[in-house]
Structure formats: structure tokens, C-alpha cells
Amino acid sequence: MRLVKYAGFRLPALFVSVLAALVVLVALVALSGCVSLMEKTGRVLDGSAGSEKTVAVYRAGGLELRMVKVRESREGAWEDAIFILPERFPAVRIRAGAPDGNGVFLLTSLDYLGGNEHGWNEFSLDLFGSGVLTTDGSGSALFSVSADFEAAGISGGRIRRYDTRITGNEALALLNGRHERILALVEWMNAFDGSGPGAGIDGFSDYWEPVLFPERAKIRNRPDGWRKSGDRFARAEGLRWNLGYTERVFPELLRSVRNSGTMLRDWEEAREWLFLMHEWQSLVELLSRETVLVKSR
């Protein structure tokens, strides 16, 4: 048996190799909340690594635009495409077809990959709309998307919860169900306070969490009058929900979602997704603004 020196001890070589692999695995799990790491890992697991080639990169005004070649399978042909990455929404990548002779391109999908401490949600939201991208040969490009572009339903995706990987029709049904709940919650949020927090996702979380879930907020952060005499409570997802607060604040459509703890699960597992839908108009404004991009690669 071959022995090697490790941490001052002489141990079997096979044991040292296994130990080193475990250390790497623990480090990866500790970083599971990092979207970029999960994205790379996911592509390795599903065999899609190497299916994209970056041709050029342009940046400016909170946007990164990549001219790429992609193929849907290892045997498929390479096709030209555009990836649009808005800096404010790091979980998002918008995909479009190659520009025609006049620089006009068609949007195809918004690809989302957002993580949480237990796993991640990944999906493609179909888009309908067009844009213009023209280059002048000097290292700059003029970019904009039509302000009337629309999002349709989720056409595919995957879910990871702990060690369980959900795909196919089951994942599609769960993702679309969550999407509908998020849209309904966002509609209520806009009616409740159209001004919103006016900040990034951290400000969004700080502002809305005590409103949505005062039961678990610090006392000083709870809304005034959140609890009144005669309020009834029901336990779900480890919390006692104030049913009276639910009835006073939320529309009927959202009451069972909150009282069952489903809203809390959506918040914990898909906060970036919720933030994206809440800030959808700001994304539209960013993309529809005519922007001069500078080539960086």
C-alpha cells in the first residue's frame, strides 16, 4: 500500500484522494448560492458545456451584449445569436436571434437561473419583440429593443431542491404555477404601494419582507396595527400566521397562499424572480433606451 504525507501524517494515497475530493465538494456546496457557479455546474451535468462560443462582447449603460455562436446539441450546426445581460438582474440572460442585413433582430427568450440555499430555479420565458443592433466597425454598436416587447409563458425549465432534480412536465407545471403566483403578488404590490422601495434587491427585501411576513420580522419593523384584538392564528411552515392581518391587507386571491406558507416558500426560493417581475418596467426601459455600446472583447 502506497503511503503519502498529508497534514503531517502518512496516510494511504487512496484515502488522501478521497479526502481531497470531499473538501472540494464541501466548498462547492458552500457556494451553491452563487448563480455563476451553479450555471457552470448545471451545464456540465446536463452535457451542454461547450455549446456556446463568444465572438464579441460589448458593454455600456448597465448592459453587456455578447455576440455568440450556439448549437442546441453536440451534433447540431452552429448558429449566430445575441445574449443580452442586464447588470441589475444577474440571474437573467435575454436571448435573441442574429441581426439581419438592417441590424434588426428578434427576441426569443428570457433565460433565468436563480439560486437559494436549498437549490435553484431555472427556466426559459418566451419573449415576443424585436430590436436593432448596428456596428460601425470602429468598436462601438448602437443597440435598442422595441418598448412593446412582451413575455409569454414559461416553455421549459428545471428545479433543484436539495438532492432532488425536477425536470420535464413536472418542472414546467411547478414553474408556471409559481410564475402565476408571483405575477398576482406583484400586481398587489404595485397597488399597495406603487412607489416601491426604489433600490436593488436588498432594498426590495428590506422593504417588503416585514409587510408580507410581519410574523417573523423584528418587532420594530412590523407594520403599525398588524395585530388587533380578536385576530385568529393558524400554523403552517413553522409559523403562526395572523389570519386577521391576511384578511385586512391581502386580496382574496392571495389569502390562502399566505396562510398556507406558500408565499413564504416563494419568497425564500425565488426572491430574485419576484424582484425581476416587480421591476419588469425598469427592465423594459433599460432595453428600449438607445444605447451606444463599446466593444471590450
Protein backbone atom coordinates (compact mmCIF):
# COMPACT_ATOMS: atom_id res chain seq x y z
CA MET A 1 0.00 0.00 0.00
CA ARG A 2 1.48 3.36 -1.08
CA LEU A 3 1.58 5.97 1.69
CA VAL A 4 1.77 9.72 1.20
CA LYS A 5 2.36 12.54 3.65
CA TYR A 6 -0.75 14.63 4.38
CA ALA A 7 -1.08 17.26 7.15
CA GLY A 8 1.92 15.77 8.94
CA PHE A 9 0.64 12.17 8.77
CA ARG A 10 1.48 9.28 6.48
CA LEU A 11 -1.81 8.03 5.04
CA PRO A 12 -2.89 5.67 2.22
CA ALA A 13 -2.84 7.50 -1.12
CA LEU A 14 -6.41 6.45 -1.99
CA PHE A 15 -7.68 7.86 1.31
CA VAL A 16 -5.95 11.19 0.64
CA SER A 17 -7.51 11.39 -2.85
CA VAL A 18 -10.99 10.76 -1.49
CA LEU A 19 -10.47 13.29 1.31
CA ALA A 20 -9.35 15.96 -1.17
CA ALA A 21 -12.40 15.32 -3.34
CA LEU A 22 -14.67 15.72 -0.32
CA VAL A 23 -13.06 19.05 0.55
CA VAL A 24 -13.73 20.33 -2.97
CA LEU A 25 -17.33 19.09 -2.82
CA VAL A 26 -17.97 20.85 0.50
CA ALA A 27 -16.57 24.08 -0.94
CA LEU A 28 -18.90 23.83 -3.93
CA VAL A 29 -21.92 23.23 -1.71
CA ALA A 30 -20.99 26.23 0.44
CA LEU A 31 -21.04 28.38 -2.69
CA SER A 32 -24.29 26.94 -4.05
CA GLY A 33 -25.94 30.36 -3.78
CA CYS A 34 -23.66 31.75 -6.46
CA VAL A 35 -25.56 31.90 -9.76
CA SER A 36 -22.48 31.80 -11.99
CA LEU A 37 -21.14 28.70 -10.27
CA MET A 38 -24.48 26.93 -10.45
CA GLU A 39 -24.85 27.81 -14.10
CA LYS A 40 -21.46 26.32 -14.96
CA THR A 41 -22.14 23.24 -12.84
CA GLY A 42 -25.57 22.77 -14.41
CA ARG A 43 -24.14 22.91 -17.90
CA VAL A 44 -21.57 20.26 -17.06
CA LEU A 45 -24.22 18.00 -15.55
CA ASP A 46 -26.65 18.22 -18.47
CA GLY A 47 -23.98 17.89 -21.14
CA SER A 48 -24.43 21.34 -22.67
CA ALA A 49 -20.95 22.63 -21.79
CA GLY A 50 -19.17 23.89 -24.89
CA SER A 51 -22.42 24.64 -26.76
CA GLU A 52 -21.69 28.36 -26.85
CA LYS A 53 -18.81 30.33 -28.34
CA THR A 54 -18.41 34.05 -27.64
CA VAL A 55 -17.45 36.04 -30.73
CA ALA A 56 -17.54 39.60 -29.33
CA VAL A 57 -18.57 41.43 -26.15
CA TYR A 58 -19.97 44.98 -25.92
CA ARG A 59 -20.69 46.90 -22.69
CA ALA A 60 -22.19 50.23 -21.55
CA GLY A 61 -25.06 51.69 -19.55
CA GLY A 62 -25.60 48.70 -17.27
CA LEU A 63 -25.75 46.26 -20.19
CA GLU A 64 -23.47 43.58 -21.54
CA LEU A 65 -24.15 42.24 -25.02
CA ARG A 66 -22.48 39.11 -26.35
CA MET A 67 -22.36 38.09 -29.99
CA VAL A 68 -22.21 34.30 -29.85
CA LYS A 69 -22.42 31.10 -31.81
CA VAL A 70 -24.66 28.44 -30.28
CA ARG A 71 -25.83 24.95 -31.07
CA GLU A 72 -28.66 23.01 -29.49
CA SER A 73 -26.87 19.65 -29.47
CA ARG A 74 -23.35 18.32 -29.87
CA GLU A 75 -24.17 17.19 -33.40
CA GLY A 76 -26.10 20.31 -34.39
CA ALA A 77 -24.96 23.18 -36.57
CA TRP A 78 -23.59 26.40 -35.05
CA GLU A 79 -25.90 29.42 -35.33
CA ASP A 80 -25.36 33.12 -34.66
CA ALA A 81 -27.23 34.66 -31.72
CA ILE A 82 -27.20 37.55 -29.25
CA PHE A 83 -27.14 37.30 -25.46
CA ILE A 84 -28.18 40.42 -23.52
CA LEU A 85 -27.17 40.57 -19.85
CA PRO A 86 -28.68 43.40 -17.75
CA GLU A 87 -26.35 44.21 -14.85
CA ARG A 88 -29.19 44.92 -12.42
CA PHE A 89 -30.61 41.42 -12.91
CA PRO A 90 -27.67 38.99 -12.66
CA ALA A 91 -29.94 35.93 -12.79
CA VAL A 92 -31.21 36.94 -16.25
CA ARG A 93 -29.92 36.35 -19.76
CA ILE A 94 -32.05 37.53 -22.70
CA ARG A 95 -31.61 35.66 -25.95
CA ALA A 96 -32.20 36.96 -29.47
CA GLY A 97 -31.55 35.81 -32.99
CA ALA A 98 -28.80 37.17 -35.22
CA PRO A 99 -29.40 40.64 -36.75
CA ASP A 100 -30.44 40.76 -40.40
CA GLY A 101 -28.86 43.00 -43.03
CA ASN A 102 -30.53 46.05 -41.48
CA GLY A 103 -29.45 45.18 -37.93
CA VAL A 104 -32.95 44.04 -36.88
CA PHE A 105 -33.13 41.04 -34.55
CA LEU A 106 -35.97 39.11 -32.90
CA LEU A 107 -36.14 38.36 -29.19
CA THR A 108 -36.69 34.70 -28.38
CA SER A 109 -36.47 34.11 -24.62
CA LEU A 110 -35.50 35.34 -21.20
CA ASP A 111 -33.40 32.65 -19.53
CA TYR A 112 -33.44 32.75 -15.74
CA LEU A 113 -31.23 30.92 -13.24
CA GLY A 114 -31.74 31.95 -9.62
CA GLY A 115 -30.40 30.17 -6.56
CA ASN A 116 -31.27 29.78 -2.91
CA GLU A 117 -29.68 27.91 -0.03
CA HIS A 118 -31.54 24.71 -0.94
CA GLY A 119 -31.22 24.68 -4.74
CA TRP A 120 -32.29 26.74 -7.73
CA ASN A 121 -34.97 27.54 -10.31
CA GLU A 122 -34.08 27.57 -14.00
CA PHE A 123 -36.47 28.41 -16.83
CA SER A 124 -36.96 30.00 -20.24
CA LEU A 125 -39.67 32.64 -20.54
CA ASP A 126 -40.70 33.12 -24.17
CA LEU A 127 -40.41 36.70 -25.46
CA PHE A 128 -42.01 38.42 -28.45
CA GLY A 129 -40.43 41.58 -29.77
CA SER A 130 -37.63 42.99 -31.85
CA GLY A 131 -34.62 45.27 -31.61
CA VAL A 132 -31.86 46.88 -33.60
CA LEU A 133 -28.11 46.38 -33.34
CA THR A 134 -25.79 48.19 -35.74
CA THR A 135 -21.99 48.28 -35.65
CA ASP A 136 -19.76 50.85 -37.30
CA GLY A 137 -16.55 48.85 -37.49
CA SER A 138 -14.77 51.13 -35.01
CA GLY A 139 -15.51 49.13 -31.87
CA SER A 140 -18.91 50.54 -30.97
CA ALA A 141 -22.51 49.44 -31.57
CA LEU A 142 -25.91 51.12 -31.37
CA PHE A 143 -28.46 49.00 -29.53
CA SER A 144 -32.15 49.22 -28.56
CA VAL A 145 -35.18 46.97 -28.14
CA SER A 146 -38.75 47.92 -29.00
CA ALA A 147 -40.59 49.08 -25.87
CA ASP A 148 -43.64 46.95 -26.69
CA PHE A 149 -41.93 43.57 -26.34
CA GLU A 150 -43.97 41.02 -24.39
CA ALA A 151 -43.37 37.98 -22.22
CA ALA A 152 -45.44 34.84 -22.75
CA GLY A 153 -45.44 31.69 -20.63
CA ILE A 154 -42.57 29.56 -19.41
CA SER A 155 -41.75 26.98 -22.06
CA GLY A 156 -39.20 24.88 -20.20
CA GLY A 157 -37.10 24.66 -17.09
CA ARG A 158 -35.66 22.67 -14.22
CA ILE A 159 -35.78 22.81 -10.44
CA ARG A 160 -33.25 21.64 -7.88
CA ARG A 161 -34.37 21.12 -4.29
CA TYR A 162 -31.72 19.63 -2.03
CA ASP A 163 -30.77 16.37 -3.78
CA THR A 164 -33.89 16.24 -5.95
CA ARG A 165 -33.76 17.38 -9.57
CA ILE A 166 -37.17 18.06 -11.16
CA THR A 167 -37.43 18.22 -14.95
CA GLY A 168 -39.89 17.79 -17.81
CA ASN A 169 -43.62 18.37 -17.45
CA GLU A 170 -43.48 18.27 -13.65
CA ALA A 171 -40.97 21.11 -13.54
CA LEU A 172 -42.91 23.05 -16.17
CA ALA A 173 -46.14 22.81 -14.16
CA LEU A 174 -44.44 23.86 -10.91
CA LEU A 175 -42.60 26.77 -12.54
CA ASN A 176 -45.69 28.10 -14.28
CA GLY A 177 -47.69 27.79 -11.07
CA ARG A 178 -45.07 29.79 -9.19
CA HIS A 179 -44.92 32.33 -12.03
CA GLU A 180 -48.68 32.92 -11.80
CA ARG A 181 -48.46 33.40 -8.03
CA ILE A 182 -45.57 35.83 -8.41
CA LEU A 183 -47.44 37.88 -11.03
CA ALA A 184 -50.50 38.04 -8.76
CA LEU A 185 -48.36 39.16 -5.81
CA VAL A 186 -46.59 41.80 -7.91
CA GLU A 187 -49.94 43.18 -9.07
CA TRP A 188 -50.97 43.57 -5.43
CA MET A 189 -47.60 45.12 -4.51
CA ASN A 190 -47.99 47.78 -7.18
CA ALA A 191 -51.49 48.60 -5.95
CA PHE A 192 -50.39 48.56 -2.31
CA ASP A 193 -47.50 50.96 -2.88
CA GLY A 194 -46.79 51.90 -6.47
CA SER A 195 -43.67 53.84 -5.48
CA GLY A 196 -41.92 50.70 -4.23
CA PRO A 197 -38.60 50.65 -2.38
CA GLY A 198 -36.62 52.34 -5.16
CA ALA A 199 -33.48 50.23 -4.63
CA GLY A 200 -31.84 46.97 -5.64
CA ILE A 201 -32.81 43.55 -4.41
CA ASP A 202 -31.50 44.24 -0.89
CA GLY A 203 -33.68 47.32 -0.56
CA PHE A 204 -36.56 45.37 -2.09
CA SER A 205 -36.16 42.64 0.54
CA ASP A 206 -35.84 45.06 3.45
CA TYR A 207 -38.95 46.94 2.37
CA TRP A 208 -41.30 44.08 1.54
CA GLU A 209 -40.42 41.28 3.95
CA PRO A 210 -41.97 42.93 7.04
CA VAL A 211 -45.09 43.76 5.01
CA LEU A 212 -45.51 40.25 3.66
CA PHE A 213 -44.41 38.37 6.77
CA PRO A 214 -44.66 40.56 9.91
CA GLU A 215 -44.89 37.36 11.99
CA ARG A 216 -41.18 36.77 11.56
CA ALA A 217 -39.97 40.37 11.37
CA LYS A 218 -38.38 42.21 14.27
CA ILE A 219 -41.00 43.98 16.39
CA ARG A 220 -39.74 47.45 15.43
CA ASN A 221 -40.08 46.61 11.71
CA ARG A 222 -43.65 45.29 11.82
CA PRO A 223 -46.38 47.42 10.19
CA ASP A 224 -48.45 49.53 12.56
CA GLY A 225 -51.59 47.73 13.68
CA TRP A 226 -50.53 44.42 12.14
CA ARG A 227 -52.13 42.65 15.12
CA LYS A 228 -55.52 43.51 16.58
CA SER A 229 -57.75 42.17 19.32
CA GLY A 230 -59.69 39.12 18.16
CA ASP A 231 -57.20 38.10 15.45
CA ARG A 232 -57.10 34.36 14.77
CA PHE A 233 -53.89 32.42 14.05
CA ALA A 234 -53.07 29.25 12.11
CA ARG A 235 -49.76 27.38 11.94
CA ALA A 236 -48.06 26.49 8.65
CA GLU A 237 -44.42 26.18 7.59
CA GLY A 238 -43.34 26.55 11.22
CA LEU A 239 -45.02 29.96 11.77
CA ARG A 240 -48.29 31.12 13.36
CA TRP A 241 -49.91 33.23 10.65
CA ASN A 242 -52.14 36.10 11.68
CA LEU A 243 -55.31 35.36 9.68
CA GLY A 244 -56.79 38.72 10.64
CA TYR A 245 -53.82 40.58 9.15
CA THR A 246 -54.12 38.48 5.99
CA GLU A 247 -57.79 39.38 5.58
CA ARG A 248 -57.24 43.09 6.25
CA VAL A 249 -54.27 43.53 3.91
CA PHE A 250 -54.36 40.94 1.12
CA PRO A 251 -56.96 40.31 -1.61
CA GLU A 252 -58.87 37.04 -1.52
CA LEU A 253 -56.74 35.54 -4.29
CA LEU A 254 -53.61 35.74 -2.10
CA ARG A 255 -55.01 34.89 1.33
CA SER A 256 -54.71 31.11 1.16
CA VAL A 257 -51.29 31.48 -0.48
CA ARG A 258 -50.02 33.46 2.52
CA ASN A 259 -51.81 31.49 5.25
CA SER A 260 -50.52 28.17 3.91
CA GLY A 261 -46.90 29.35 3.88
CA THR A 262 -46.70 29.05 0.07
CA MET A 263 -45.95 32.76 -0.27
CA LEU A 264 -43.09 32.38 2.19
CA ARG A 265 -41.65 29.47 0.17
CA ASP A 266 -41.88 31.54 -3.00
CA TRP A 267 -40.11 34.39 -1.22
CA GLU A 268 -37.31 32.20 0.10
CA GLU A 269 -36.79 30.12 -3.03
CA ALA A 270 -37.43 32.69 -5.79
CA ARG A 271 -36.76 36.18 -4.46
CA GLU A 272 -34.72 37.26 -7.50
CA TRP A 273 -37.55 36.03 -9.71
CA LEU A 274 -40.05 38.08 -7.72
CA PHE A 275 -37.73 41.10 -7.86
CA LEU A 276 -37.46 40.72 -11.64
CA MET A 277 -41.23 40.71 -12.14
CA HIS A 278 -41.68 43.62 -9.73
CA GLU A 279 -39.07 45.63 -11.63
CA TRP A 280 -40.16 44.49 -15.11
CA GLN A 281 -40.94 48.00 -16.30
CA SER A 282 -37.45 49.18 -15.36
CA LEU A 283 -36.02 46.32 -17.44
CA VAL A 284 -38.18 47.38 -20.39
CA GLU A 285 -36.99 50.98 -20.03
CA LEU A 286 -33.35 49.89 -19.86
CA LEU A 287 -33.56 47.77 -23.01
CA SER A 288 -35.66 50.23 -25.03
CA ARG A 289 -33.24 53.09 -24.36
CA GLU A 290 -30.97 53.69 -27.36
CA THR A 291 -27.51 52.84 -26.05
CA VAL A 292 -24.06 53.12 -27.57
CA LEU A 293 -22.13 50.02 -26.56
CA VAL A 294 -18.34 49.78 -26.59
CA LYS A 295 -16.57 46.63 -27.68
CA SER A 296 -14.50 45.15 -24.85
CA ARG A 297 -13.53 41.84 -26.40
